[in-house]
Amino acid sequence: MDISASLVAGLLIALLAIFTVIRAVRIVPQARARNVERLGRYHKTLTPGLNLVIPYIDRVHPQIDLREQVVSFKPQPVITEDNLVVEIDTVLYFQVTDRVRPSTRSPASSRRWSS
């Protein structure tokens, strides 16, 4: 009985170690970024490639796409100055330039938007 109990304990420790290593290694694809919070505060931004974080202490946010995004809207009727009805198509292009603000609330953004 002693051998089977130590075998189960060893297996549980090995599984915990493997799980910890999997949580510590983060691979970020090209043209993407991920923000890391350590104990609830912004710590750093993970750049593309292989990154290491401290498991159970660091919280990694979902990926931020740094490529240019395109949003198109359905055609809208517009009345011109000479009373003609014309349909216009609207396309919006945007790109994330500050990697910190999409997922965290930095002090600069809270001062800017406070009323």
PDB file of N, CA and C in Angstrom:
ATOM      1  N   MET A   1       0.804  -1.203   0.000  1.00  0.00           N
ATOM      2  CA  MET A   1       0.000   0.000   0.000  1.00  0.00           C
ATOM      3  C   MET A   1       0.842   1.259   0.000  1.00  0.00           C
ATOM      4  N   ASP A   2       1.992   1.228   0.646  1.00  0.00           N
ATOM      5  CA  ASP A   2       2.844   2.403   0.713  1.00  0.00           C
ATOM      6  C   ASP A   2       3.380   2.796  -0.664  1.00  0.00           C
ATOM      7  N   ILE A   3       3.694   1.816  -1.479  1.00  0.00           N
ATOM      8  CA  ILE A   3       4.245   2.097  -2.808  1.00  0.00           C
ATOM      9  C   ILE A   3       3.187   2.756  -3.687  1.00  0.00           C
ATOM     10  N   SER A   4       1.957   2.296  -3.635  1.00  0.00           N
ATOM     11  CA  SER A   4       0.913   2.884  -4.474  1.00  0.00           C
ATOM     12  C   SER A   4       0.571   4.311  -4.020  1.00  0.00           C
ATOM     13  N   ALA A   5       0.596   4.582  -2.722  1.00  0.00           N
ATOM     14  CA  ALA A   5       0.320   5.935  -2.228  1.00  0.00           C
ATOM     15  C   ALA A   5       1.417   6.895  -2.650  1.00  0.00           C
ATOM     16  N   SER A   6       2.676   6.454  -2.575  1.00  0.00           N
ATOM     17  CA  SER A   6       3.773   7.325  -2.998  1.00  0.00           C
ATOM     18  C   SER A   6       3.770   7.504  -4.517  1.00  0.00           C
ATOM     19  N   LEU A   7       3.321   6.495  -5.254  1.00  0.00           N
ATOM     20  CA  LEU A   7       3.219   6.600  -6.708  1.00  0.00           C
ATOM     21  C   LEU A   7       2.148   7.620  -7.101  1.00  0.00           C
ATOM     22  N   VAL A   8       1.010   7.588  -6.419  1.00  0.00           N
ATOM     23  CA  VAL A   8      -0.065   8.551  -6.695  1.00  0.00           C
ATOM     24  C   VAL A   8       0.385   9.964  -6.326  1.00  0.00           C
ATOM     25  N   ALA A   9       1.062  10.112  -5.197  1.00  0.00           N
ATOM     26  CA  ALA A   9       1.553  11.424  -4.779  1.00  0.00           C
ATOM     27  C   ALA A   9       2.581  11.953  -5.778  1.00  0.00           C
ATOM     28  N   GLY A  10       3.473  11.099  -6.229  1.00  0.00           N
ATOM     29  CA  GLY A  10       4.474  11.504  -7.221  1.00  0.00           C
ATOM     30  C   GLY A  10       3.829  11.894  -8.542  1.00  0.00           C
ATOM     31  N   LEU A  11       2.794  11.154  -8.934  1.00  0.00           N
ATOM     32  CA  LEU A  11       2.076  11.464 -10.166  1.00  0.00           C
ATOM     33  C   LEU A  11       1.352  12.808 -10.061  1.00  0.00           C
ATOM     34  N   LEU A  12       0.748  13.083  -8.916  1.00  0.00           N
ATOM     35  CA  LEU A  12       0.076  14.369  -8.714  1.00  0.00           C
ATOM     36  C   LEU A  12       1.072  15.537  -8.733  1.00  0.00           C
ATOM     37  N   ILE A  13       2.234  15.339  -8.117  1.00  0.00           N
ATOM     38  CA  ILE A  13       3.256  16.389  -8.124  1.00  0.00           C
ATOM     39  C   ILE A  13       3.771  16.623  -9.549  1.00  0.00           C
ATOM     40  N   ALA A  14       3.953  15.555 -10.312  1.00  0.00           N
ATOM     41  CA  ALA A  14       4.410  15.693 -11.702  1.00  0.00           C
ATOM     42  C   ALA A  14       3.362  16.419 -12.551  1.00  0.00           C
ATOM     43  N   LEU A  15       2.081  16.086 -12.373  1.00  0.00           N
ATOM     44  CA  LEU A  15       1.024  16.772 -13.113  1.00  0.00           C
ATOM     45  C   LEU A  15       0.950  18.252 -12.746  1.00  0.00           C
ATOM     46  N   LEU A  16       1.116  18.574 -11.464  1.00  0.00           N
ATOM     47  CA  LEU A  16       1.117  19.966 -11.029  1.00  0.00           C
ATOM     48  C   LEU A  16       2.302  20.725 -11.633  1.00  0.00           C
ATOM     49  N   ALA A  17       3.459  20.083 -11.687  1.00  0.00           N
ATOM     50  CA  ALA A  17       4.638  20.724 -12.279  1.00  0.00           C
ATOM     51  C   ALA A  17       4.440  20.962 -13.771  1.00  0.00           C
ATOM     52  N   ILE A  18       3.876  20.004 -14.488  1.00  0.00           N
ATOM     53  CA  ILE A  18       3.618  20.160 -15.925  1.00  0.00           C
ATOM     54  C   ILE A  18       2.598  21.266 -16.155  1.00  0.00           C
ATOM     55  N   PHE A  19       1.548  21.298 -15.367  1.00  0.00           N
ATOM     56  CA  PHE A  19       0.528  22.337 -15.491  1.00  0.00           C
ATOM     57  C   PHE A  19       1.118  23.724 -15.222  1.00  0.00           C
ATOM     58  N   THR A  20       2.014  23.837 -14.235  1.00  0.00           N
ATOM     59  CA  THR A  20       2.651  25.107 -13.906  1.00  0.00           C
ATOM     60  C   THR A  20       3.540  25.585 -15.051  1.00  0.00           C
ATOM     61  N   VAL A  21       4.291  24.689 -15.661  1.00  0.00           N
ATOM     62  CA  VAL A  21       5.151  25.058 -16.792  1.00  0.00           C
ATOM     63  C   VAL A  21       4.303  25.504 -17.975  1.00  0.00           C
ATOM     64  N   ILE A  22       3.190  24.835 -18.227  1.00  0.00           N
ATOM     65  CA  ILE A  22       2.307  25.216 -19.338  1.00  0.00           C
ATOM     66  C   ILE A  22       1.731  26.609 -19.102  1.00  0.00           C
ATOM     67  N   ARG A  23       1.376  26.926 -17.865  1.00  0.00           N
ATOM     68  CA  ARG A  23       0.835  28.258 -17.562  1.00  0.00           C
ATOM     69  C   ARG A  23       1.903  29.341 -17.584  1.00  0.00           C
ATOM     70  N   ALA A  24       3.182  28.977 -17.402  1.00  0.00           N
ATOM     71  CA  ALA A  24       4.264  29.958 -17.357  1.00  0.00           C
ATOM     72  C   ALA A  24       4.723  30.379 -18.751  1.00  0.00           C
ATOM     73  N   VAL A  25       4.564  29.533 -19.745  1.00  0.00           N
ATOM     74  CA  VAL A  25       5.046  29.824 -21.093  1.00  0.00           C
ATOM     75  C   VAL A  25       3.880  30.347 -21.930  1.00  0.00           C
ATOM     76  N   ARG A  26       4.061  31.537 -22.511  1.00  0.00           N
ATOM     77  CA  ARG A  26       3.037  32.136 -23.379  1.00  0.00           C
ATOM     78  C   ARG A  26       3.674  32.460 -24.723  1.00  0.00           C
ATOM     79  N   ILE A  27       3.051  32.011 -25.796  1.00  0.00           N
ATOM     80  CA  ILE A  27       3.513  32.302 -27.146  1.00  0.00           C
ATOM     81  C   ILE A  27       2.542  33.300 -27.758  1.00  0.00           C
ATOM     82  N   VAL A  28       3.074  34.443 -28.180  1.00  0.00           N
ATOM     83  CA  VAL A  28       2.261  35.511 -28.765  1.00  0.00           C
ATOM     84  C   VAL A  28       2.559  35.543 -30.268  1.00  0.00           C
ATOM     85  N   PRO A  29       1.530  35.426 -31.121  1.00  0.00           N
ATOM     86  CA  PRO A  29       1.757  35.481 -32.568  1.00  0.00           C
ATOM     87  C   PRO A  29       2.195  36.875 -33.035  1.00  0.00           C
ATOM     88  N   GLN A  30       2.711  36.908 -34.255  1.00  0.00           N
ATOM     89  CA  GLN A  30       3.142  38.170 -34.842  1.00  0.00           C
ATOM     90  C   GLN A  30       1.952  39.116 -35.010  1.00  0.00           C
ATOM     91  N   ALA A  31       2.185  40.426 -34.873  1.00  0.00           N
ATOM     92  CA  ALA A  31       1.180  41.493 -35.005  1.00  0.00           C
ATOM     93  C   ALA A  31       0.108  41.411 -33.926  1.00  0.00           C
ATOM     94  N   ARG A  32       0.453  40.836 -32.791  1.00  0.00           N
ATOM     95  CA  ARG A  32      -0.461  40.784 -31.661  1.00  0.00           C
ATOM     96  C   ARG A  32       0.318  41.121 -30.397  1.00  0.00           C
ATOM     97  N   ALA A  33      -0.387  41.443 -29.330  1.00  0.00           N
ATOM     98  CA  ALA A  33       0.234  41.729 -28.041  1.00  0.00           C
ATOM     99  C   ALA A  33      -0.719  41.255 -26.947  1.00  0.00           C
ATOM    100  N   ARG A  34      -0.168  41.020 -25.774  1.00  0.00           N
ATOM    101  CA  ARG A  34      -0.982  40.632 -24.624  1.00  0.00           C
ATOM    102  C   ARG A  34      -0.482  41.405 -23.412  1.00  0.00           C
ATOM    103  N   ASN A  35      -1.402  41.943 -22.632  1.00  0.00           N
ATOM    104  CA  ASN A  35      -1.051  42.675 -21.419  1.00  0.00           C
ATOM    105  C   ASN A  35      -1.078  41.734 -20.227  1.00  0.00           C
ATOM    106  N   VAL A  36      -0.177  41.997 -19.286  1.00  0.00           N
ATOM    107  CA  VAL A  36      -0.054  41.173 -18.084  1.00  0.00           C
ATOM    108  C   VAL A  36      -0.346  42.037 -16.869  1.00  0.00           C
ATOM    109  N   GLU A  37      -1.210  41.541 -16.011  1.00  0.00           N
ATOM    110  CA  GLU A  37      -1.464  42.172 -14.715  1.00  0.00           C
ATOM    111  C   GLU A  37      -0.825  41.318 -13.638  1.00  0.00           C
ATOM    112  N   ARG A  38      -0.083  41.970 -12.764  1.00  0.00           N
ATOM    113  CA  ARG A  38       0.490  41.256 -11.629  1.00  0.00           C
ATOM    114  C   ARG A  38      -0.211  41.742 -10.372  1.00  0.00           C
ATOM    115  N   LEU A  39      -0.958  40.850  -9.744  1.00  0.00           N
ATOM    116  CA  LEU A  39      -1.720  41.145  -8.540  1.00  0.00           C
ATOM    117  C   LEU A  39      -2.679  42.317  -8.753  1.00  0.00           C
ATOM    118  N   GLY A  40      -3.308  42.379  -9.936  1.00  0.00           N
ATOM    119  CA  GLY A  40      -4.350  43.347 -10.206  1.00  0.00           C
ATOM    120  C   GLY A  40      -3.894  44.652 -10.827  1.00  0.00           C
ATOM    121  N   ARG A  41      -2.587  44.854 -11.017  1.00  0.00           N
ATOM    122  CA  ARG A  41      -2.086  46.096 -11.626  1.00  0.00           C
ATOM    123  C   ARG A  41      -1.311  45.757 -12.884  1.00  0.00           C
ATOM    124  N   TYR A  42      -1.324  46.691 -13.849  1.00  0.00           N
ATOM    125  CA  TYR A  42      -0.590  46.478 -15.088  1.00  0.00           C
ATOM    126  C   TYR A  42       0.891  46.268 -14.781  1.00  0.00           C
ATOM    127  N   HIS A  43       1.473  45.228 -15.398  1.00  0.00           N
ATOM    128  CA  HIS A  43       2.890  44.932 -15.168  1.00  0.00           C
ATOM    129  C   HIS A  43       3.715  45.128 -16.443  1.00  0.00           C
ATOM    130  N   LYS A  44       3.305  44.475 -17.534  1.00  0.00           N
ATOM    131  CA  LYS A  44       4.056  44.600 -18.782  1.00  0.00           C
ATOM    132  C   LYS A  44       3.201  44.140 -19.953  1.00  0.00           C
ATOM    133  N   THR A  45       3.717  44.375 -21.161  1.00  0.00           N
ATOM    134  CA  THR A  45       3.067  43.924 -22.383  1.00  0.00           C
ATOM    135  C   THR A  45       3.932  42.836 -23.001  1.00  0.00           C
ATOM    136  N   LEU A  46       3.318  41.698 -23.303  1.00  0.00           N
ATOM    137  CA  LEU A  46       4.042  40.611 -23.949  1.00  0.00           C
ATOM    138  C   LEU A  46       4.142  40.900 -25.437  1.00  0.00           C
ATOM    139  N   THR A  47       5.346  40.848 -25.965  1.00  0.00           N
ATOM    140  CA  THR A  47       5.590  41.101 -27.380  1.00  0.00           C
ATOM    141  C   THR A  47       5.543  39.781 -28.144  1.00  0.00           C
ATOM    142  N   PRO A  48       5.474  39.833 -29.485  1.00  0.00           N
ATOM    143  CA  PRO A  48       5.429  38.586 -30.255  1.00  0.00           C
ATOM    144  C   PRO A  48       6.640  37.703 -29.974  1.00  0.00           C
ATOM    145  N   GLY A  49       6.380  36.418 -29.882  1.00  0.00           N
ATOM    146  CA  GLY A  49       7.432  35.444 -29.603  1.00  0.00           C
ATOM    147  C   GLY A  49       7.132  34.679 -28.329  1.00  0.00           C
ATOM    148  N   LEU A  50       8.166  34.062 -27.789  1.00  0.00           N
ATOM    149  CA  LEU A  50       8.055  33.259 -26.570  1.00  0.00           C
ATOM    150  C   LEU A  50       8.233  34.158 -25.353  1.00  0.00           C
ATOM    151  N   ASN A  51       7.311  34.096 -24.420  1.00  0.00           N
ATOM    152  CA  ASN A  51       7.357  34.915 -23.208  1.00  0.00           C
ATOM    153  C   ASN A  51       7.140  34.033 -21.991  1.00  0.00           C
ATOM    154  N   LEU A  52       7.726  34.442 -20.869  1.00  0.00           N
ATOM    155  CA  LEU A  52       7.548  33.741 -19.605  1.00  0.00           C
ATOM    156  C   LEU A  52       6.844  34.653 -18.610  1.00  0.00           C
ATOM    157  N   VAL A  53       5.867  34.107 -17.909  1.00  0.00           N
ATOM    158  CA  VAL A  53       5.165  34.836 -16.856  1.00  0.00           C
ATOM    159  C   VAL A  53       5.199  33.997 -15.591  1.00  0.00           C
ATOM    160  N   ILE A  54       4.880  34.619 -14.480  1.00  0.00           N
ATOM    161  CA  ILE A  54       4.835  33.892 -13.213  1.00  0.00           C
ATOM    162  C   ILE A  54       3.429  33.323 -13.050  1.00  0.00           C
ATOM    163  N   PRO A  55       3.292  31.992 -13.101  1.00  0.00           N
ATOM    164  CA  PRO A  55       1.942  31.423 -12.994  1.00  0.00           C
ATOM    165  C   PRO A  55       1.350  31.658 -11.608  1.00  0.00           C
ATOM    166  N   TYR A  56       0.027  31.742 -11.570  1.00  0.00           N
ATOM    167  CA  TYR A  56      -0.769  31.927 -10.358  1.00  0.00           C
ATOM    168  C   TYR A  56      -0.662  33.346  -9.788  1.00  0.00           C
ATOM    169  N   ILE A  57       0.293  34.169 -10.237  1.00  0.00           N
ATOM    170  CA  ILE A  57       0.412  35.549  -9.773  1.00  0.00           C
ATOM    171  C   ILE A  57       0.063  36.509 -10.905  1.00  0.00           C
ATOM    172  N   ASP A  58       0.565  36.218 -12.111  1.00  0.00           N
ATOM    173  CA  ASP A  58       0.295  37.063 -13.272  1.00  0.00           C
ATOM    174  C   ASP A  58      -0.986  36.617 -13.958  1.00  0.00           C
ATOM    175  N   ARG A  59      -1.756  37.603 -14.402  1.00  0.00           N
ATOM    176  CA  ARG A  59      -2.972  37.335 -15.187  1.00  0.00           C
ATOM    177  C   ARG A  59      -2.751  37.898 -16.584  1.00  0.00           C
ATOM    178  N   VAL A  60      -2.843  37.036 -17.593  1.00  0.00           N
ATOM    179  CA  VAL A  60      -2.599  37.447 -18.969  1.00  0.00           C
ATOM    180  C   VAL A  60      -3.940  37.723 -19.637  1.00  0.00           C
ATOM    181  N   HIS A  61      -4.088  38.936 -20.183  1.00  0.00           N
ATOM    182  CA  HIS A  61      -5.312  39.333 -20.863  1.00  0.00           C
ATOM    183  C   HIS A  61      -5.372  38.715 -22.261  1.00  0.00           C
ATOM    184  N   PRO A  62      -6.554  38.687 -22.881  1.00  0.00           N
ATOM    185  CA  PRO A  62      -6.661  38.172 -24.252  1.00  0.00           C
ATOM    186  C   PRO A  62      -5.811  38.992 -25.227  1.00  0.00           C
ATOM    187  N   GLN A  63      -5.571  38.405 -26.391  1.00  0.00           N
ATOM    188  CA  GLN A  63      -4.716  39.041 -27.388  1.00  0.00           C
ATOM    189  C   GLN A  63      -5.321  40.325 -27.927  1.00  0.00           C
ATOM    190  N   ILE A  64      -4.444  41.290 -28.228  1.00  0.00           N
ATOM    191  CA  ILE A  64      -4.830  42.549 -28.860  1.00  0.00           C
ATOM    192  C   ILE A  64      -4.293  42.496 -30.279  1.00  0.00           C
ATOM    193  N   ASP A  65      -5.158  42.677 -31.262  1.00  0.00           N
ATOM    194  CA  ASP A  65      -4.743  42.651 -32.655  1.00  0.00           C
ATOM    195  C   ASP A  65      -4.196  44.026 -33.030  1.00  0.00           C
ATOM    196  N   LEU A  66      -2.936  44.094 -33.452  1.00  0.00           N
ATOM    197  CA  LEU A  66      -2.289  45.359 -33.769  1.00  0.00           C
ATOM    198  C   LEU A  66      -2.377  45.710 -35.250  1.00  0.00           C
ATOM    199  N   ARG A  67      -3.021  44.858 -36.029  1.00  0.00           N
ATOM    200  CA  ARG A  67      -3.163  45.146 -37.456  1.00  0.00           C
ATOM    201  C   ARG A  67      -4.276  46.168 -37.673  1.00  0.00           C
ATOM    202  N   GLU A  68      -4.290  46.748 -38.857  1.00  0.00           N
ATOM    203  CA  GLU A  68      -5.339  47.705 -39.200  1.00  0.00           C
ATOM    204  C   GLU A  68      -6.664  46.965 -39.373  1.00  0.00           C
ATOM    205  N   GLN A  69      -7.711  47.462 -38.740  1.00  0.00           N
ATOM    206  CA  GLN A  69      -9.029  46.841 -38.805  1.00  0.00           C
ATOM    207  C   GLN A  69      -9.938  47.664 -39.714  1.00  0.00           C
ATOM    208  N   VAL A  70     -10.842  46.995 -40.419  1.00  0.00           N
ATOM    209  CA  VAL A  70     -11.769  47.665 -41.312  1.00  0.00           C
ATOM    210  C   VAL A  70     -13.191  47.310 -40.890  1.00  0.00           C
ATOM    211  N   VAL A  71     -14.020  48.350 -40.695  1.00  0.00           N
ATOM    212  CA  VAL A  71     -15.430  48.154 -40.372  1.00  0.00           C
ATOM    213  C   VAL A  71     -16.240  48.904 -41.415  1.00  0.00           C
ATOM    214  N   SER A  72     -17.102  48.189 -42.118  1.00  0.00           N
ATOM    215  CA  SER A  72     -17.939  48.861 -43.113  1.00  0.00           C
ATOM    216  C   SER A  72     -19.388  48.877 -42.613  1.00  0.00           C
ATOM    217  N   PHE A  73     -20.091  49.932 -42.966  1.00  0.00           N
ATOM    218  CA  PHE A  73     -21.476  50.108 -42.564  1.00  0.00           C
ATOM    219  C   PHE A  73     -22.366  50.021 -43.801  1.00  0.00           C
ATOM    220  N   LYS A  74     -23.607  49.636 -43.600  1.00  0.00           N
ATOM    221  CA  LYS A  74     -24.524  49.526 -44.735  1.00  0.00           C
ATOM    222  C   LYS A  74     -24.795  50.909 -45.330  1.00  0.00           C
ATOM    223  N   PRO A  75     -25.142  50.989 -46.621  1.00  0.00           N
ATOM    224  CA  PRO A  75     -25.387  52.278 -47.263  1.00  0.00           C
ATOM    225  C   PRO A  75     -26.507  53.060 -46.557  1.00  0.00           C
ATOM    226  N   GLN A  76     -26.286  54.365 -46.422  1.00  0.00           N
ATOM    227  CA  GLN A  76     -27.245  55.240 -45.757  1.00  0.00           C
ATOM    228  C   GLN A  76     -27.740  56.303 -46.741  1.00  0.00           C
ATOM    229  N   PRO A  77     -29.064  56.551 -46.792  1.00  0.00           N
ATOM    230  CA  PRO A  77     -29.554  57.627 -47.663  1.00  0.00           C
ATOM    231  C   PRO A  77     -29.269  58.999 -47.044  1.00  0.00           C
ATOM    232  N   VAL A  78     -28.790  59.908 -47.880  1.00  0.00           N
ATOM    233  CA  VAL A  78     -28.451  61.260 -47.431  1.00  0.00           C
ATOM    234  C   VAL A  78     -29.072  62.250 -48.407  1.00  0.00           C
ATOM    235  N   ILE A  79     -29.633  63.334 -47.882  1.00  0.00           N
ATOM    236  CA  ILE A  79     -30.198  64.387 -48.732  1.00  0.00           C
ATOM    237  C   ILE A  79     -29.132  65.461 -48.915  1.00  0.00           C
ATOM    238  N   THR A  80     -28.827  65.770 -50.171  1.00  0.00           N
ATOM    239  CA  THR A  80     -27.813  66.780 -50.465  1.00  0.00           C
ATOM    240  C   THR A  80     -28.400  68.179 -50.389  1.00  0.00           C
ATOM    241  N   GLU A  81     -27.555  69.173 -50.625  1.00  0.00           N
ATOM    242  CA  GLU A  81     -27.964  70.567 -50.556  1.00  0.00           C
ATOM    243  C   GLU A  81     -29.015  70.910 -51.615  1.00  0.00           C
ATOM    244  N   ASP A  82     -28.949  70.263 -52.775  1.00  0.00           N
ATOM    245  CA  ASP A  82     -29.924  70.537 -53.839  1.00  0.00           C
ATOM    246  C   ASP A  82     -31.059  69.505 -53.851  1.00  0.00           C
ATOM    247  N   ASN A  83     -31.380  68.923 -52.691  1.00  0.00           N
ATOM    248  CA  ASN A  83     -32.509  68.014 -52.466  1.00  0.00           C
ATOM    249  C   ASN A  83     -32.458  66.731 -53.303  1.00  0.00           C
ATOM    250  N   LEU A  84     -31.293  66.187 -53.494  1.00  0.00           N
ATOM    251  CA  LEU A  84     -31.144  64.872 -54.115  1.00  0.00           C
ATOM    252  C   LEU A  84     -30.883  63.857 -53.021  1.00  0.00           C
ATOM    253  N   VAL A  85     -31.465  62.679 -53.185  1.00  0.00           N
ATOM    254  CA  VAL A  85     -31.215  61.602 -52.228  1.00  0.00           C
ATOM    255  C   VAL A  85     -30.118  60.719 -52.798  1.00  0.00           C
ATOM    256  N   VAL A  86     -29.036  60.596 -52.047  1.00  0.00           N
ATOM    257  CA  VAL A  86     -27.876  59.815 -52.470  1.00  0.00           C
ATOM    258  C   VAL A  86     -27.552  58.833 -51.351  1.00  0.00           C
ATOM    259  N   GLU A  87     -27.189  57.634 -51.728  1.00  0.00           N
ATOM    260  CA  GLU A  87     -26.762  56.665 -50.719  1.00  0.00           C
ATOM    261  C   GLU A  87     -25.250  56.705 -50.612  1.00  0.00           C
ATOM    262  N   ILE A  88     -24.763  56.776 -49.387  1.00  0.00           N
ATOM    263  CA  ILE A  88     -23.323  56.794 -49.185  1.00  0.00           C
ATOM    264  C   ILE A  88     -22.893  55.528 -48.451  1.00  0.00           C
ATOM    265  N   ASP A  89     -21.709  55.052 -48.791  1.00  0.00           N
ATOM    266  CA  ASP A  89     -21.104  53.921 -48.101  1.00  0.00           C
ATOM    267  C   ASP A  89     -20.062  54.473 -47.137  1.00  0.00           C
ATOM    268  N   THR A  90     -20.032  53.926 -45.942  1.00  0.00           N
ATOM    269  CA  THR A  90     -19.085  54.390 -44.940  1.00  0.00           C
ATOM    270  C   THR A  90     -18.169  53.241 -44.554  1.00  0.00           C
ATOM    271  N   VAL A  91     -16.885  53.540 -44.523  1.00  0.00           N
ATOM    272  CA  VAL A  91     -15.883  52.564 -44.117  1.00  0.00           C
ATOM    273  C   VAL A  91     -15.006  53.211 -43.062  1.00  0.00           C
ATOM    274  N   LEU A  92     -14.774  52.495 -41.967  1.00  0.00           N
ATOM    275  CA  LEU A  92     -13.964  53.006 -40.869  1.00  0.00           C
ATOM    276  C   LEU A  92     -12.706  52.149 -40.759  1.00  0.00           C
ATOM    277  N   TYR A  93     -11.543  52.787 -40.776  1.00  0.00           N
ATOM    278  CA  TYR A  93     -10.267  52.107 -40.580  1.00  0.00           C
ATOM    279  C   TYR A  93      -9.719  52.515 -39.228  1.00  0.00           C
ATOM    280  N   PHE A  94      -9.259  51.535 -38.433  1.00  0.00           N
ATOM    281  CA  PHE A  94      -8.633  51.871 -37.161  1.00  0.00           C
ATOM    282  C   PHE A  94      -7.545  50.876 -36.833  1.00  0.00           C
ATOM    283  N   GLN A  95      -6.613  51.338 -35.984  1.00  0.00           N
ATOM    284  CA  GLN A  95      -5.494  50.504 -35.579  1.00  0.00           C
ATOM    285  C   GLN A  95      -5.127  50.845 -34.139  1.00  0.00           C
ATOM    286  N   VAL A  96      -4.811  49.844 -33.346  1.00  0.00           N
ATOM    287  CA  VAL A  96      -4.407  50.054 -31.960  1.00  0.00           C
ATOM    288  C   VAL A  96      -2.961  50.542 -31.959  1.00  0.00           C
ATOM    289  N   THR A  97      -2.723  51.694 -31.341  1.00  0.00           N
ATOM    290  CA  THR A  97      -1.365  52.225 -31.255  1.00  0.00           C
ATOM    291  C   THR A  97      -0.808  52.159 -29.845  1.00  0.00           C
ATOM    292  N   ASP A  98      -1.661  52.270 -28.827  1.00  0.00           N
ATOM    293  CA  ASP A  98      -1.229  52.162 -27.442  1.00  0.00           C
ATOM    294  C   ASP A  98      -1.663  50.793 -26.927  1.00  0.00           C
ATOM    295  N   ARG A  99      -0.713  49.923 -26.680  1.00  0.00           N
ATOM    296  CA  ARG A  99      -1.024  48.533 -26.328  1.00  0.00           C
ATOM    297  C   ARG A  99      -1.577  48.367 -24.925  1.00  0.00           C
ATOM    298  N   VAL A 100      -1.407  49.356 -24.077  1.00  0.00           N
ATOM    299  CA  VAL A 100      -1.823  49.229 -22.676  1.00  0.00           C
ATOM    300  C   VAL A 100      -3.310  49.512 -22.513  1.00  0.00           C
ATOM    301  N   ARG A 101      -3.832  50.516 -23.169  1.00  0.00           N
ATOM    302  CA  ARG A 101      -5.189  50.991 -22.909  1.00  0.00           C
ATOM    303  C   ARG A 101      -6.329  50.084 -23.352  1.00  0.00           C
ATOM    304  N   PRO A 102      -6.212  49.242 -24.381  1.00  0.00           N
ATOM    305  CA  PRO A 102      -7.386  48.430 -24.742  1.00  0.00           C
ATOM    306  C   PRO A 102      -7.859  47.485 -23.645  1.00  0.00           C
ATOM    307  N   SER A 103      -6.962  46.994 -22.799  1.00  0.00           N
ATOM    308  CA  SER A 103      -7.398  46.022 -21.802  1.00  0.00           C
ATOM    309  C   SER A 103      -7.259  46.495 -20.370  1.00  0.00           C
ATOM    310  N   THR A 104      -6.525  47.581 -20.142  1.00  0.00           N
ATOM    311  CA  THR A 104      -6.382  48.082 -18.772  1.00  0.00           C
ATOM    312  C   THR A 104      -6.823  49.523 -18.709  1.00  0.00           C
ATOM    313  N   ARG A 105      -7.057  49.992 -17.541  1.00  0.00           N
ATOM    314  CA  ARG A 105      -7.473  51.372 -17.350  1.00  0.00           C
ATOM    315  C   ARG A 105      -6.315  52.104 -16.709  1.00  0.00           C
ATOM    316  N   SER A 106      -5.494  52.766 -17.513  1.00  0.00           N
ATOM    317  CA  SER A 106      -4.322  53.468 -16.989  1.00  0.00           C
ATOM    318  C   SER A 106      -4.746  54.775 -16.324  1.00  0.00           C
ATOM    319  N   PRO A 107      -3.925  55.325 -15.440  1.00  0.00           N
ATOM    320  CA  PRO A 107      -4.278  56.587 -14.777  1.00  0.00           C
ATOM    321  C   PRO A 107      -4.481  57.732 -15.760  1.00  0.00           C
ATOM    322  N   ALA A 108      -3.731  57.755 -16.850  1.00  0.00           N
ATOM    323  CA  ALA A 108      -3.885  58.832 -17.833  1.00  0.00           C
ATOM    324  C   ALA A 108      -5.266  58.794 -18.477  1.00  0.00           C
ATOM    325  N   SER A 109      -5.763  57.597 -18.775  1.00  0.00           N
ATOM    326  CA  SER A 109      -7.077  57.514 -19.410  1.00  0.00           C
ATOM    327  C   SER A 109      -8.189  57.840 -18.421  1.00  0.00           C
ATOM    328  N   SER A 110      -8.022  57.515 -17.142  1.00  0.00           N
ATOM    329  CA  SER A 110      -9.072  57.829 -16.174  1.00  0.00           C
ATOM    330  C   SER A 110      -9.140  59.333 -15.913  1.00  0.00           C
ATOM    331  N   ARG A 111      -7.999  60.022 -15.955  1.00  0.00           N
ATOM    332  CA  ARG A 111      -8.017  61.486 -15.788  1.00  0.00           C
ATOM    333  C   ARG A 111      -8.654  62.129 -17.000  1.00  0.00           C
ATOM    334  N   ARG A 112      -8.385  61.582 -18.151  1.00  0.00           N
ATOM    335  CA  ARG A 112      -8.882  62.174 -19.394  1.00  0.00           C
ATOM    336  C   ARG A 112     -10.391  62.078 -19.505  1.00  0.00           C
ATOM    337  N   TRP A 113     -10.982  60.958 -19.071  1.00  0.00           N
ATOM    338  CA  TRP A 113     -12.408  60.723 -19.265  1.00  0.00           C
ATOM    339  C   TRP A 113     -13.242  61.038 -18.025  1.00  0.00           C
ATOM    340  N   SER A 114     -12.622  61.484 -16.949  1.00  0.00           N
ATOM    341  CA  SER A 114     -13.429  61.781 -15.757  1.00  0.00           C
ATOM    342  C   SER A 114     -14.223  63.065 -15.972  1.00  0.00           C
ATOM    343  N   SER A 115     -15.392  63.118 -15.356  1.00  0.00           N
ATOM    344  CA  SER A 115     -16.254  64.299 -15.550  1.00  0.00           C
ATOM    345  C   SER A 115     -16.159  65.255 -14.398  1.00  0.00           C
TER     346      SER A 115
END
